[in-house]
Amino acid sequence: MAILRQFGSMAKTLVRTHIFYQAIIPDEILIQKKQCETAHKELQEEDMKYSLAQISPIVQ
């Protein structure tokens, strides 16, 4: 009987942990995705500035 109670307690803990991580992990992934998108846009802008700086002397 004690084993069943212990198992029940462990099962409850696992369910609570699963629910907690189910709520937290997607938020973390979304935050990381937004950070990556922002960094990607910044890199694109820097690449464009560099390209324009390289072309500018040739065009003049």
C-alpha atoms as a PDB file:
ATOM      1  CA  MET A   1       0.000   0.000   0.000  1.00  0.00           C
ATOM      2  CA  ALA A   2       2.855   2.376   0.797  1.00  0.00           C
ATOM      3  CA  ILE A   3       4.291   1.732  -2.648  1.00  0.00           C
ATOM      4  CA  LEU A   4       1.004   2.766  -4.251  1.00  0.00           C
ATOM      5  CA  ARG A   5       0.942   5.990  -2.227  1.00  0.00           C
ATOM      6  CA  GLN A   6       4.539   6.707  -3.158  1.00  0.00           C
ATOM      7  CA  PHE A   7       3.787   6.016  -6.824  1.00  0.00           C
ATOM      8  CA  GLY A   8       0.716   8.256  -6.651  1.00  0.00           C
ATOM      9  CA  SER A   9       2.792  11.052  -5.170  1.00  0.00           C
ATOM     10  CA  MET A  10       5.443  10.657  -7.871  1.00  0.00           C
ATOM     11  CA  ALA A  11       2.752  10.642 -10.569  1.00  0.00           C
ATOM     12  CA  LYS A  12       1.272  13.882  -9.229  1.00  0.00           C
ATOM     13  CA  THR A  13       4.725  15.476  -9.200  1.00  0.00           C
ATOM     14  CA  LEU A  14       5.349  14.375 -12.788  1.00  0.00           C
ATOM     15  CA  VAL A  15       2.011  15.795 -13.927  1.00  0.00           C
ATOM     16  CA  ARG A  16       2.693  19.122 -12.186  1.00  0.00           C
ATOM     17  CA  THR A  17       6.186  19.270 -13.688  1.00  0.00           C
ATOM     18  CA  HIS A  18       4.835  18.459 -17.146  1.00  0.00           C
ATOM     19  CA  ILE A  19       2.176  21.180 -16.891  1.00  0.00           C
ATOM     20  CA  PHE A  20       4.796  23.685 -15.671  1.00  0.00           C
ATOM     21  CA  TYR A  21       7.192  22.961 -18.534  1.00  0.00           C
ATOM     22  CA  GLN A  22       4.371  22.859 -21.050  1.00  0.00           C
ATOM     23  CA  ALA A  23       3.597  26.455 -20.087  1.00  0.00           C
ATOM     24  CA  ILE A  24       7.204  27.708 -19.837  1.00  0.00           C
ATOM     25  CA  ILE A  25       9.025  26.080 -22.747  1.00  0.00           C
ATOM     26  CA  PRO A  26       6.848  27.453 -25.584  1.00  0.00           C
ATOM     27  CA  ASP A  27       7.272  30.967 -24.164  1.00  0.00           C
ATOM     28  CA  GLU A  28      11.056  30.532 -24.060  1.00  0.00           C
ATOM     29  CA  ILE A  29      11.066  29.247 -27.629  1.00  0.00           C
ATOM     30  CA  LEU A  30       9.017  32.233 -28.801  1.00  0.00           C
ATOM     31  CA  ILE A  31      11.380  34.633 -27.041  1.00  0.00           C
ATOM     32  CA  GLN A  32      14.398  32.962 -28.642  1.00  0.00           C
ATOM     33  CA  LYS A  33      12.700  33.025 -32.049  1.00  0.00           C
ATOM     34  CA  LYS A  34      12.035  36.764 -31.745  1.00  0.00           C
ATOM     35  CA  GLN A  35      15.632  37.375 -30.664  1.00  0.00           C
ATOM     36  CA  CYS A  36      16.906  35.411 -33.670  1.00  0.00           C
ATOM     37  CA  GLU A  37      14.618  37.294 -36.053  1.00  0.00           C
ATOM     38  CA  THR A  38      15.783  40.632 -34.631  1.00  0.00           C
ATOM     39  CA  ALA A  39      19.441  39.645 -34.930  1.00  0.00           C
ATOM     40  CA  HIS A  40      18.839  38.442 -38.499  1.00  0.00           C
ATOM     41  CA  LYS A  41      17.265  41.778 -39.469  1.00  0.00           C
ATOM     42  CA  GLU A  42      20.164  43.679 -37.910  1.00  0.00           C
ATOM     43  CA  LEU A  43      22.662  41.554 -39.836  1.00  0.00           C
ATOM     44  CA  GLN A  44      20.767  42.157 -43.072  1.00  0.00           C
ATOM     45  CA  GLU A  45      20.882  45.905 -42.459  1.00  0.00           C
ATOM     46  CA  GLU A  46      24.614  45.797 -41.743  1.00  0.00           C
ATOM     47  CA  ASP A  47      25.201  43.710 -44.886  1.00  0.00           C
ATOM     48  CA  MET A  48      23.241  46.238 -46.939  1.00  0.00           C
ATOM     49  CA  LYS A  49      25.227  49.160 -45.498  1.00  0.00           C
ATOM     50  CA  TYR A  50      28.492  47.355 -46.222  1.00  0.00           C
ATOM     51  CA  SER A  51      27.400  46.520 -49.768  1.00  0.00           C
ATOM     52  CA  LEU A  52      26.381  50.116 -50.426  1.00  0.00           C
ATOM     53  CA  ALA A  53      29.702  51.342 -49.042  1.00  0.00           C
ATOM     54  CA  GLN A  54      31.525  48.997 -51.424  1.00  0.00           C
ATOM     55  CA  ILE A  55      29.447  50.050 -54.443  1.00  0.00           C
ATOM     56  CA  SER A  56      29.448  53.796 -53.734  1.00  0.00           C
ATOM     57  CA  PRO A  57      33.058  54.497 -54.872  1.00  0.00           C
ATOM     58  CA  ILE A  58      32.506  52.465 -58.043  1.00  0.00           C
ATOM     59  CA  VAL A  59      29.340  54.354 -58.995  1.00  0.00           C
ATOM     60  CA  GLN A  60      30.867  57.809 -58.478  1.00  0.00           C
END
